[in-house]
Amino acid sequence: MSEASDSSPFSVPSYFLYSHFRSKAGCCIYVHNKLTCSRAHALESSEFSIIWLRLNSHSLTKFICAVYLSYNSSDYSKFFDYLTSKVEHNLFLYPFVEISILGDFNVHHQLWLSSPFTDHSGELAFNFAILHDLQQLVQHPIRIPDRLEDTTQHSDLFLTSNPSAYAVTLSSPLGSPDHNLISVSCPIFPIPPQDPQKRRCLWRFASASWGDLRRYYADFLWNDYRFRVRDTTLCAELITEVIVSGIEAYIPHSFSQPKPSKP
């Protein structure tokens, strides 16, 4: 199934549907029309139920990955190798990007996820999160047990490189599924239109740490992170991102409040 059009039975007003459905599996993401978002097809694989989105806000760039792994999957090692390669690729091109990976992983880990046991897939998921410094935010059992003697499970995960930006809540299931509803909220502001009355950035060059700024640019791995990109437009964007990050880090600055226009 391709990305939904307005005539799709899955369409929701003011939202665009990104989907990757397979036989008895799949995942999808709804994105509000006001958000600047694009699907990163180059990061996806036809072997797995997975979607990568790149979301741009006025402050930073986020990569959001939706995942579904079947409970009887035998490709966990291959999947986490694939996921590692894509995360490293994103960090290679965008060293300051935020990465969040969410979905139904169907893994078990006794210490990390409070599961009744630890399996190989749980070890792989835990090692993947540690390797990329991703924090797992869903701390409550998700699956509702069928019998009293059954144990609850943490199969739905939310891994992110910026845990302080998110708040997680748990609600009752929608309809008849045996999984509780997870809600993860994060303020994301659309890129605002240009406003002639917007705040101006005031730079205090007399207080700048020029030596630290020079060392930052001199020590940065420009060849590894920038100049291997063949797209000249993308290369220019990446170079600008590094230059601006150094300026903001070592030159003190503040923002002025625009004066109200006279009647």
Protein backbone atom coordinates (compact mmCIF):
# COMPACT_ATOMS: atom_id res chain seq x y z
CA MET A 1 0.00 0.00 0.00
CA SER A 2 1.37 3.41 -0.91
CA GLU A 3 1.10 6.68 0.94
CA ALA A 4 -2.54 7.55 1.31
CA SER A 5 -4.32 10.11 -0.82
CA ASP A 6 -7.34 12.15 0.22
CA SER A 7 -9.67 9.43 -1.07
CA SER A 8 -8.09 6.71 1.05
CA PRO A 9 -10.39 5.05 3.60
CA PHE A 10 -7.62 5.62 6.16
CA SER A 11 -7.43 9.37 5.58
CA VAL A 12 -7.88 11.80 8.47
CA PRO A 13 -8.65 15.50 7.85
CA SER A 14 -5.57 17.76 8.14
CA TYR A 15 -3.23 14.75 8.38
CA PHE A 16 -1.11 12.95 5.79
CA LEU A 17 -0.67 9.20 6.07
CA TYR A 18 2.74 7.56 5.57
CA SER A 19 2.35 3.79 5.46
CA HIS A 20 4.34 0.60 5.01
CA PHE A 21 1.86 -2.27 5.16
CA ARG A 22 2.79 -5.89 4.55
CA SER A 23 0.93 -9.18 4.83
CA LYS A 24 -0.16 -9.54 8.49
CA ALA A 25 2.23 -6.76 9.50
CA GLY A 26 3.13 -3.16 8.87
CA CYS A 27 3.17 0.31 10.38
CA CYS A 28 2.01 3.82 9.54
CA ILE A 29 2.45 7.43 10.69
CA TYR A 30 0.00 10.33 10.52
CA VAL A 31 1.61 13.78 10.21
CA HIS A 32 -0.23 17.08 10.55
CA ASN A 33 -0.20 19.22 7.45
CA LYS A 34 1.33 22.17 9.31
CA LEU A 35 4.55 20.27 10.02
CA THR A 36 7.46 20.31 7.58
CA CYS A 37 8.08 16.61 7.09
CA SER A 38 9.45 14.31 4.40
CA ARG A 39 9.76 10.55 4.08
CA ALA A 40 13.33 9.25 3.97
CA HIS A 41 12.80 6.39 1.50
CA ALA A 42 16.55 5.86 1.14
CA LEU A 43 16.75 4.74 4.78
CA GLU A 44 13.98 2.16 4.51
CA SER A 45 14.19 -1.53 3.67
CA SER A 46 11.64 -3.74 1.93
CA GLU A 47 12.64 -6.57 4.28
CA PHE A 48 11.18 -4.90 7.39
CA SER A 49 8.04 -3.05 8.41
CA ILE A 50 9.67 0.32 9.00
CA ILE A 51 9.17 4.00 8.14
CA TRP A 52 11.74 6.81 8.39
CA LEU A 53 10.61 10.44 8.48
CA ARG A 54 12.69 13.61 8.59
CA LEU A 55 10.94 16.41 10.45
CA ASN A 56 12.17 20.01 10.43
CA SER A 57 11.18 22.53 13.07
CA HIS A 58 12.43 26.04 13.67
CA SER A 59 15.00 24.79 16.18
CA LEU A 60 16.30 21.38 15.04
CA THR A 61 15.99 18.39 12.73
CA LYS A 62 14.46 15.11 13.92
CA PHE A 63 14.55 11.67 12.38
CA ILE A 64 11.57 9.55 13.49
CA CYS A 65 11.51 5.83 12.80
CA ALA A 66 8.40 3.63 13.21
CA VAL A 67 8.97 -0.13 13.60
CA TYR A 68 6.96 -3.33 13.75
CA LEU A 69 8.69 -6.64 14.43
CA SER A 70 6.63 -9.82 14.50
CA TYR A 71 6.83 -11.94 17.64
CA ASN A 72 7.89 -14.92 15.51
CA SER A 73 10.55 -13.03 13.56
CA SER A 74 13.88 -14.79 13.04
CA ASP A 75 15.72 -11.75 11.62
CA TYR A 76 16.45 -9.80 14.78
CA SER A 77 20.22 -9.81 14.27
CA LYS A 78 19.84 -8.67 10.68
CA PHE A 79 17.30 -6.03 11.69
CA PHE A 80 19.45 -4.41 14.39
CA ASP A 81 22.48 -4.48 12.08
CA TYR A 82 20.37 -2.64 9.50
CA LEU A 83 19.07 -0.17 12.11
CA THR A 84 22.60 0.52 13.37
CA SER A 85 23.82 1.29 9.85
CA LYS A 86 20.99 3.80 9.29
CA VAL A 87 21.46 5.57 12.62
CA GLU A 88 25.21 5.87 11.96
CA HIS A 89 24.47 7.16 8.46
CA ASN A 90 22.20 9.90 9.86
CA LEU A 91 24.75 10.91 12.48
CA PHE A 92 27.46 10.92 9.82
CA LEU A 93 25.53 13.51 7.78
CA TYR A 94 23.88 15.38 10.68
CA PRO A 95 26.02 15.14 13.86
CA PHE A 96 23.53 17.21 15.90
CA VAL A 97 20.33 15.50 14.77
CA GLU A 98 17.73 14.07 17.18
CA ILE A 99 16.75 10.43 16.58
CA SER A 100 13.65 8.68 17.93
CA ILE A 101 12.72 5.05 17.18
CA LEU A 102 9.33 3.71 18.27
CA GLY A 103 7.05 0.76 17.74
CA ASP A 104 6.24 -2.84 18.64
CA PHE A 105 9.60 -4.63 18.94
CA ASN A 106 8.37 -7.86 20.60
CA VAL A 107 11.59 -8.21 22.63
CA HIS A 108 12.13 -9.33 26.24
CA HIS A 109 14.74 -8.17 28.72
CA GLN A 110 14.46 -8.90 32.43
CA LEU A 111 16.45 -5.96 33.83
CA TRP A 112 15.92 -3.37 31.10
CA LEU A 113 12.21 -3.97 30.38
CA SER A 114 11.09 -5.83 33.52
CA SER A 115 10.26 -8.88 31.41
CA PRO A 116 9.92 -12.32 33.06
CA PHE A 117 12.95 -13.45 31.05
CA THR A 118 15.63 -12.19 28.67
CA ASP A 119 15.82 -13.49 25.11
CA HIS A 120 18.36 -12.94 22.33
CA SER A 121 16.27 -10.26 20.68
CA GLY A 122 16.05 -8.38 23.99
CA GLU A 123 19.84 -8.46 24.34
CA LEU A 124 20.21 -7.13 20.80
CA ALA A 125 17.74 -4.30 21.45
CA PHE A 126 19.43 -3.38 24.72
CA ASN A 127 22.90 -3.35 23.14
CA PHE A 128 21.60 -1.25 20.25
CA ALA A 129 20.16 1.35 22.66
CA ILE A 130 23.39 1.48 24.70
CA LEU A 131 25.56 1.74 21.58
CA HIS A 132 23.70 4.81 20.30
CA ASP A 133 22.92 6.39 23.68
CA LEU A 134 19.16 6.02 23.21
CA GLN A 135 16.91 6.01 26.27
CA GLN A 136 13.82 3.80 26.47
CA LEU A 137 10.94 5.93 27.83
CA VAL A 138 8.01 3.48 28.09
CA GLN A 139 8.23 2.31 31.70
CA HIS A 140 4.82 0.63 32.11
CA PRO A 141 3.60 -2.78 30.90
CA ILE A 142 1.84 -2.54 27.55
CA ARG A 143 0.24 -5.89 26.85
CA ILE A 144 -2.83 -6.90 28.89
CA PRO A 145 -2.49 -10.56 30.00
CA ASP A 146 -5.17 -13.02 28.90
CA ARG A 147 -5.03 -14.98 32.16
CA LEU A 148 -4.27 -14.07 35.76
CA GLU A 149 -1.12 -16.18 35.79
CA ASP A 150 0.23 -14.46 32.66
CA THR A 151 2.76 -11.66 33.02
CA THR A 152 2.55 -8.22 31.47
CA GLN A 153 5.04 -7.21 28.80
CA HIS A 154 6.99 -4.16 27.60
CA SER A 155 6.98 -4.92 23.89
CA ASP A 156 6.22 -1.38 22.67
CA LEU A 157 9.30 0.83 23.01
CA PHE A 158 10.16 4.49 22.49
CA LEU A 159 13.91 5.02 22.08
CA THR A 160 15.20 8.57 21.77
CA SER A 161 18.43 10.55 21.89
CA ASN A 162 16.61 13.47 23.59
CA PRO A 163 14.60 11.98 26.49
CA SER A 164 14.05 15.29 28.31
CA ALA A 165 11.86 16.55 25.45
CA TYR A 166 9.21 13.83 25.78
CA ALA A 167 6.43 12.91 28.21
CA VAL A 168 4.86 9.42 28.15
CA THR A 169 1.34 8.52 29.30
CA LEU A 170 -0.55 5.22 29.21
CA SER A 171 -4.27 4.84 28.45
CA SER A 172 -6.81 2.05 28.01
CA PRO A 173 -6.88 0.18 24.68
CA LEU A 174 -8.88 1.54 21.76
CA GLY A 175 -11.41 -1.12 20.81
CA SER A 176 -10.55 -4.80 21.35
CA PRO A 177 -6.71 -5.01 21.11
CA ASP A 178 -4.76 -6.40 24.06
CA HIS A 179 -2.25 -3.51 24.04
CA ASN A 180 -2.70 -0.36 26.06
CA LEU A 181 -2.50 2.96 24.24
CA ILE A 182 0.83 4.81 24.55
CA SER A 183 0.92 8.58 24.15
CA VAL A 184 4.27 10.35 23.80
CA SER A 185 4.07 14.14 23.63
CA CYS A 186 6.71 16.63 22.57
CA PRO A 187 6.33 20.29 21.57
CA ILE A 188 7.15 20.68 17.89
CA PHE A 189 6.70 24.13 16.46
CA PRO A 190 6.20 24.55 12.70
CA ILE A 191 8.66 26.75 10.85
CA PRO A 192 7.05 30.20 11.14
CA PRO A 193 6.65 32.54 8.17
CA GLN A 194 8.99 35.48 7.94
CA ASP A 195 7.78 38.27 10.19
CA PRO A 196 9.15 41.79 9.82
CA GLN A 197 8.49 42.31 13.52
CA LYS A 198 10.33 39.17 14.68
CA ARG A 199 13.05 39.28 17.32
CA ARG A 200 16.58 40.18 16.26
CA CYS A 201 19.62 38.23 17.43
CA LEU A 202 22.18 40.51 19.11
CA TRP A 203 25.75 39.16 19.13
CA ARG A 204 28.25 40.27 21.79
CA PHE A 205 31.45 39.89 19.79
CA ALA A 206 33.58 41.61 22.43
CA SER A 207 32.88 38.71 24.82
CA ALA A 208 33.39 35.92 22.28
CA SER A 209 35.77 33.01 22.93
CA TRP A 210 37.61 33.39 19.63
CA GLY A 211 40.34 30.92 20.52
CA ASP A 212 37.82 28.19 21.38
CA LEU A 213 35.87 28.92 18.21
CA ARG A 214 39.00 28.63 16.05
CA ARG A 215 39.92 25.33 17.73
CA TYR A 216 36.36 24.05 17.24
CA TYR A 217 36.54 24.67 13.48
CA ALA A 218 40.15 23.41 13.21
CA ASP A 219 39.44 20.15 15.08
CA PHE A 220 36.14 19.37 13.36
CA LEU A 221 36.33 16.34 11.03
CA TRP A 222 35.28 18.23 7.91
CA ASN A 223 36.35 15.57 5.41
CA ASP A 224 34.56 12.77 7.25
CA TYR A 225 31.31 14.61 7.97
CA ARG A 226 30.86 17.05 5.10
CA PHE A 227 32.82 16.82 1.90
CA ARG A 228 31.93 13.24 1.03
CA VAL A 229 28.37 14.33 0.20
CA ARG A 230 27.98 14.61 -3.56
CA ASP A 231 24.91 16.87 -3.49
CA THR A 232 26.35 20.39 -3.42
CA THR A 233 23.17 21.89 -1.95
CA LEU A 234 23.14 19.36 0.90
CA CYS A 235 26.88 19.88 1.44
CA ALA A 236 26.33 23.63 1.78
CA GLU A 237 23.52 23.05 4.29
CA LEU A 238 25.69 20.75 6.39
CA ILE A 239 28.65 23.14 6.40
CA THR A 240 26.34 25.98 7.43
CA GLU A 241 24.98 23.86 10.28
CA VAL A 242 28.48 23.33 11.70
CA ILE A 243 29.46 26.99 11.30
CA VAL A 244 26.30 28.19 13.04
CA SER A 245 26.68 25.65 15.87
CA GLY A 246 30.18 26.98 16.60
CA ILE A 247 29.03 30.59 16.52
CA GLU A 248 26.14 29.90 18.90
CA ALA A 249 28.42 27.97 21.26
CA TYR A 250 31.29 30.47 21.58
CA ILE A 251 29.78 33.91 20.86
CA PRO A 252 27.37 35.17 23.56
CA HIS A 253 24.07 36.39 22.14
CA SER A 254 20.57 37.41 23.09
CA PHE A 255 17.32 38.28 21.36
CA SER A 256 15.59 41.63 21.27
CA GLN A 257 11.87 42.02 21.74
CA PRO A 258 10.17 43.65 18.73
CA LYS A 259 8.48 46.95 19.44
CA PRO A 260 4.73 47.11 18.80
CA SER A 261 3.89 48.90 15.59
CA LYS A 262 2.44 52.37 15.94
CA PRO A 263 -1.22 52.83 14.99
